Structures are given as C-alpha cells and as structure tokens.
Amino acid sequence: MMVHRDGVDFNALDPVVLAIGLFVAICAGFGAVVAWLVPAAARSGAWPQRLSWWLLGPPLVVLIFPPFLVVAIAGVAVGWAGTVADPADRAWRVVRAGAYSVMSLLLIVGAVDLARDTAALT
C-alpha cells in the first residue's frame, strides 16, 4: 500500500527501484521491531509491568478513534480467548487456521500488488 503508481515519491525519486526498496524496507523494519518487542513486552516482569501509567497511558489516547478501538477490542478478546481456551479445542484450531489463512492471503495480495506497481513504475 505504500508503493503506488501515481505517488509523487516514485515519480520524483530516481532510481525508482531504490525508492521502492527503501519504502518496502520501512514496512519490513517496523514488522521486525514489532515482532521482537511484543514477546519481550509480554514476558512476566517485563518493562510494561514495571513502568508507571504516566508513561504508558498517553499513547492509549489513540483508542478514542473507532477503527483503533475496534482493533484493540478484537485483539484483547482473542488474547483473552487464547488464555482460557484449551489449545487442543477444535474451535480454537479453526480460529488459528483462519488467522493464518487471512495473514497469508494478505501477504500474497500485497506481494502481487507490489510486483504490479514495480513493473508499472520501471
């Protein structure tokens, strides 16, 4: 979604392939940092449990916006369901398989769209 044919960045920057690579690296870097930070923050006694709410609370203001609130509620609900559900439960396996399927589909659609936009820009 960051690379599109009519974007001013990809018409003004040269070489186009370098610009595309750098914009993709932004997303990849963010994903890598989040994938590293979430398990580190979820451990018992990690920094979110030790820091004051005065530091952790202000970023939660973003939850007053409905799209962010809906995603946060869904994440909390799935996280809570994961803690109370039996991992061998059939319904939980279906939810997990569905989540993997949706994420895989998003990855494939995004890669195809990136390839299509890259071909059109070069």
C-alpha atoms as a PDB file:
ATOM      1  CA  MET A   1       0.000   0.000   0.000  1.00  0.00           C
ATOM      2  CA  MET A   2       2.958   2.346   0.364  1.00  0.00           C
ATOM      3  CA  VAL A   3       4.032   1.912  -3.251  1.00  0.00           C
ATOM      4  CA  HIS A   4       1.588   3.156  -5.845  1.00  0.00           C
ATOM      5  CA  ARG A   5       1.882   4.274  -9.427  1.00  0.00           C
ATOM      6  CA  ASP A   6       0.668   7.827  -9.001  1.00  0.00           C
ATOM      7  CA  GLY A   7       2.703   8.529  -5.851  1.00  0.00           C
ATOM      8  CA  VAL A   8       4.794  11.679  -6.032  1.00  0.00           C
ATOM      9  CA  ASP A   9       7.706   9.899  -4.349  1.00  0.00           C
ATOM     10  CA  PHE A  10       8.067   7.355  -7.096  1.00  0.00           C
ATOM     11  CA  ASN A  11       7.828   9.908  -9.879  1.00  0.00           C
ATOM     12  CA  ALA A  12      10.299  12.356  -8.304  1.00  0.00           C
ATOM     13  CA  LEU A  13      12.932   9.997  -6.850  1.00  0.00           C
ATOM     14  CA  ASP A  14      15.476   8.319  -9.052  1.00  0.00           C
ATOM     15  CA  PRO A  15      16.270   5.408  -9.393  1.00  0.00           C
ATOM     16  CA  VAL A  16      12.735   4.149  -8.890  1.00  0.00           C
ATOM     17  CA  VAL A  17      13.811   0.665  -7.788  1.00  0.00           C
ATOM     18  CA  LEU A  18      15.876   2.150  -4.933  1.00  0.00           C
ATOM     19  CA  ALA A  19      12.932   4.287  -3.821  1.00  0.00           C
ATOM     20  CA  ILE A  20      10.636   1.263  -3.852  1.00  0.00           C
ATOM     21  CA  GLY A  21      13.188  -0.820  -1.948  1.00  0.00           C
ATOM     22  CA  LEU A  22      13.580   1.843   0.725  1.00  0.00           C
ATOM     23  CA  PHE A  23       9.830   2.252   1.183  1.00  0.00           C
ATOM     24  CA  VAL A  24       9.428  -1.523   1.494  1.00  0.00           C
ATOM     25  CA  ALA A  25      12.307  -1.551   3.998  1.00  0.00           C
ATOM     26  CA  ILE A  26      10.350   0.878   6.205  1.00  0.00           C
ATOM     27  CA  CYS A  27       7.497  -1.633   6.494  1.00  0.00           C
ATOM     28  CA  ALA A  28       9.830  -4.596   6.920  1.00  0.00           C
ATOM     29  CA  GLY A  29      11.794  -2.806   9.634  1.00  0.00           C
ATOM     30  CA  PHE A  30       8.620  -1.898  11.504  1.00  0.00           C
ATOM     31  CA  GLY A  31       7.428  -5.509  11.312  1.00  0.00           C
ATOM     32  CA  ALA A  32      10.748  -6.801  12.608  1.00  0.00           C
ATOM     33  CA  VAL A  33      10.777  -4.364  15.538  1.00  0.00           C
ATOM     34  CA  VAL A  34       7.176  -5.196  16.487  1.00  0.00           C
ATOM     35  CA  ALA A  35       7.841  -8.938  16.198  1.00  0.00           C
ATOM     36  CA  TRP A  36      10.771  -8.515  18.588  1.00  0.00           C
ATOM     37  CA  LEU A  37       9.102  -6.109  21.048  1.00  0.00           C
ATOM     38  CA  VAL A  38       5.738  -7.829  21.564  1.00  0.00           C
ATOM     39  CA  PRO A  39       7.089 -11.092  23.039  1.00  0.00           C
ATOM     40  CA  ALA A  40       9.651  -9.129  25.045  1.00  0.00           C
ATOM     41  CA  ALA A  41       6.900  -6.917  26.494  1.00  0.00           C
ATOM     42  CA  ALA A  42       4.603  -9.864  27.230  1.00  0.00           C
ATOM     43  CA  ARG A  43       7.080 -11.695  29.473  1.00  0.00           C
ATOM     44  CA  SER A  44       6.465 -11.695  33.190  1.00  0.00           C
ATOM     45  CA  GLY A  45       8.184  -8.746  34.834  1.00  0.00           C
ATOM     46  CA  ALA A  46       8.905  -7.011  31.524  1.00  0.00           C
ATOM     47  CA  TRP A  47       9.096  -3.236  31.171  1.00  0.00           C
ATOM     48  CA  PRO A  48       5.326  -2.623  30.644  1.00  0.00           C
ATOM     49  CA  GLN A  49       4.604  -4.139  34.068  1.00  0.00           C
ATOM     50  CA  ARG A  50       7.292  -2.026  35.753  1.00  0.00           C
ATOM     51  CA  LEU A  51       6.728   1.393  34.166  1.00  0.00           C
ATOM     52  CA  SER A  52       4.307   3.962  35.509  1.00  0.00           C
ATOM     53  CA  TRP A  53       0.937   4.516  33.857  1.00  0.00           C
ATOM     54  CA  TRP A  54       2.000   8.142  33.387  1.00  0.00           C
ATOM     55  CA  LEU A  55       4.387   6.899  30.694  1.00  0.00           C
ATOM     56  CA  LEU A  56       2.274   4.105  29.214  1.00  0.00           C
ATOM     57  CA  GLY A  57      -1.127   5.814  29.341  1.00  0.00           C
ATOM     58  CA  PRO A  58      -0.807   8.760  26.916  1.00  0.00           C
ATOM     59  CA  PRO A  59      -0.352   6.615  23.776  1.00  0.00           C
ATOM     60  CA  LEU A  60      -3.656   4.916  24.642  1.00  0.00           C
ATOM     61  CA  VAL A  61      -5.473   8.154  23.740  1.00  0.00           C
ATOM     62  CA  VAL A  62      -5.459   6.877  20.152  1.00  0.00           C
ATOM     63  CA  LEU A  63      -8.116   4.366  21.263  1.00  0.00           C
ATOM     64  CA  ILE A  64     -10.781   7.082  21.212  1.00  0.00           C
ATOM     65  CA  PHE A  65     -10.840   6.723  17.415  1.00  0.00           C
ATOM     66  CA  PRO A  66     -13.273   3.930  16.430  1.00  0.00           C
ATOM     67  CA  PRO A  67     -11.043   1.975  13.993  1.00  0.00           C
ATOM     68  CA  PHE A  68      -8.268   1.688  16.568  1.00  0.00           C
ATOM     69  CA  LEU A  69     -10.734   0.883  19.322  1.00  0.00           C
ATOM     70  CA  VAL A  70     -12.352  -1.926  17.313  1.00  0.00           C
ATOM     71  CA  VAL A  71      -8.962  -3.488  16.549  1.00  0.00           C
ATOM     72  CA  ALA A  72      -7.888  -3.170  20.194  1.00  0.00           C
ATOM     73  CA  ILE A  73     -11.113  -4.778  21.454  1.00  0.00           C
ATOM     74  CA  ALA A  74     -10.768  -7.617  18.950  1.00  0.00           C
ATOM     75  CA  GLY A  75      -7.132  -8.144  19.968  1.00  0.00           C
ATOM     76  CA  VAL A  76      -7.966  -8.215  23.664  1.00  0.00           C
ATOM     77  CA  ALA A  77     -10.877 -10.597  23.042  1.00  0.00           C
ATOM     78  CA  VAL A  78      -8.748 -13.015  21.021  1.00  0.00           C
ATOM     79  CA  GLY A  79      -5.924 -12.789  23.560  1.00  0.00           C
ATOM     80  CA  TRP A  80      -8.315 -13.487  26.416  1.00  0.00           C
ATOM     81  CA  ALA A  81      -9.906 -16.373  24.496  1.00  0.00           C
ATOM     82  CA  GLY A  82      -6.445 -17.796  23.929  1.00  0.00           C
ATOM     83  CA  THR A  83      -5.705 -17.832  27.629  1.00  0.00           C
ATOM     84  CA  VAL A  84      -8.952 -19.537  28.670  1.00  0.00           C
ATOM     85  CA  ALA A  85      -9.362 -21.901  25.718  1.00  0.00           C
ATOM     86  CA  ASP A  86      -7.874 -25.355  25.561  1.00  0.00           C
ATOM     87  CA  PRO A  87      -5.207 -25.341  22.791  1.00  0.00           C
ATOM     88  CA  ALA A  88      -6.498 -28.694  21.583  1.00  0.00           C
ATOM     89  CA  ASP A  89     -10.055 -27.323  21.279  1.00  0.00           C
ATOM     90  CA  ARG A  90     -11.395 -27.623  17.727  1.00  0.00           C
ATOM     91  CA  ALA A  91     -12.878 -24.107  17.665  1.00  0.00           C
ATOM     92  CA  TRP A  92      -9.563 -22.570  18.696  1.00  0.00           C
ATOM     93  CA  ARG A  93      -7.747 -24.522  15.971  1.00  0.00           C
ATOM     94  CA  VAL A  94     -10.243 -23.170  13.419  1.00  0.00           C
ATOM     95  CA  VAL A  95      -9.656 -19.597  14.644  1.00  0.00           C
ATOM     96  CA  ARG A  96      -5.901 -20.080  14.457  1.00  0.00           C
ATOM     97  CA  ALA A  97      -6.093 -21.608  10.971  1.00  0.00           C
ATOM     98  CA  GLY A  98      -8.351 -18.766   9.863  1.00  0.00           C
ATOM     99  CA  ALA A  99      -5.922 -16.167  11.185  1.00  0.00           C
ATOM    100  CA  TYR A 100      -3.002 -17.821   9.398  1.00  0.00           C
ATOM    101  CA  SER A 101      -5.058 -18.022   6.207  1.00  0.00           C
ATOM    102  CA  VAL A 102      -6.033 -14.351   6.312  1.00  0.00           C
ATOM    103  CA  MET A 103      -2.463 -13.238   7.008  1.00  0.00           C
ATOM    104  CA  SER A 104      -1.124 -15.467   4.219  1.00  0.00           C
ATOM    105  CA  LEU A 105      -3.708 -14.101   1.794  1.00  0.00           C
ATOM    106  CA  LEU A 106      -2.802 -10.526   2.720  1.00  0.00           C
ATOM    107  CA  LEU A 107       0.880 -11.295   2.158  1.00  0.00           C
ATOM    108  CA  ILE A 108       0.194 -12.800  -1.272  1.00  0.00           C
ATOM    109  CA  VAL A 109      -2.122  -9.980  -2.374  1.00  0.00           C
ATOM    110  CA  GLY A 110       0.384  -7.381  -1.158  1.00  0.00           C
ATOM    111  CA  ALA A 111       3.287  -9.067  -2.968  1.00  0.00           C
ATOM    112  CA  VAL A 112       1.308  -9.278  -6.210  1.00  0.00           C
ATOM    113  CA  ASP A 113       0.282  -5.614  -5.927  1.00  0.00           C
ATOM    114  CA  LEU A 114       3.878  -4.585  -5.173  1.00  0.00           C
ATOM    115  CA  ALA A 115       5.137  -6.518  -8.193  1.00  0.00           C
ATOM    116  CA  ARG A 116       2.454  -4.979 -10.413  1.00  0.00           C
ATOM    117  CA  ASP A 117       3.244  -1.434  -9.245  1.00  0.00           C
ATOM    118  CA  THR A 118       7.001  -2.006  -9.536  1.00  0.00           C
ATOM    119  CA  ALA A 119       6.593  -3.243 -13.114  1.00  0.00           C
ATOM    120  CA  ALA A 120       4.456  -0.228 -13.989  1.00  0.00           C
ATOM    121  CA  LEU A 121       6.921   2.259 -12.473  1.00  0.00           C
ATOM    122  CA  THR A 122      10.084   0.830 -14.055  1.00  0.00           C
END
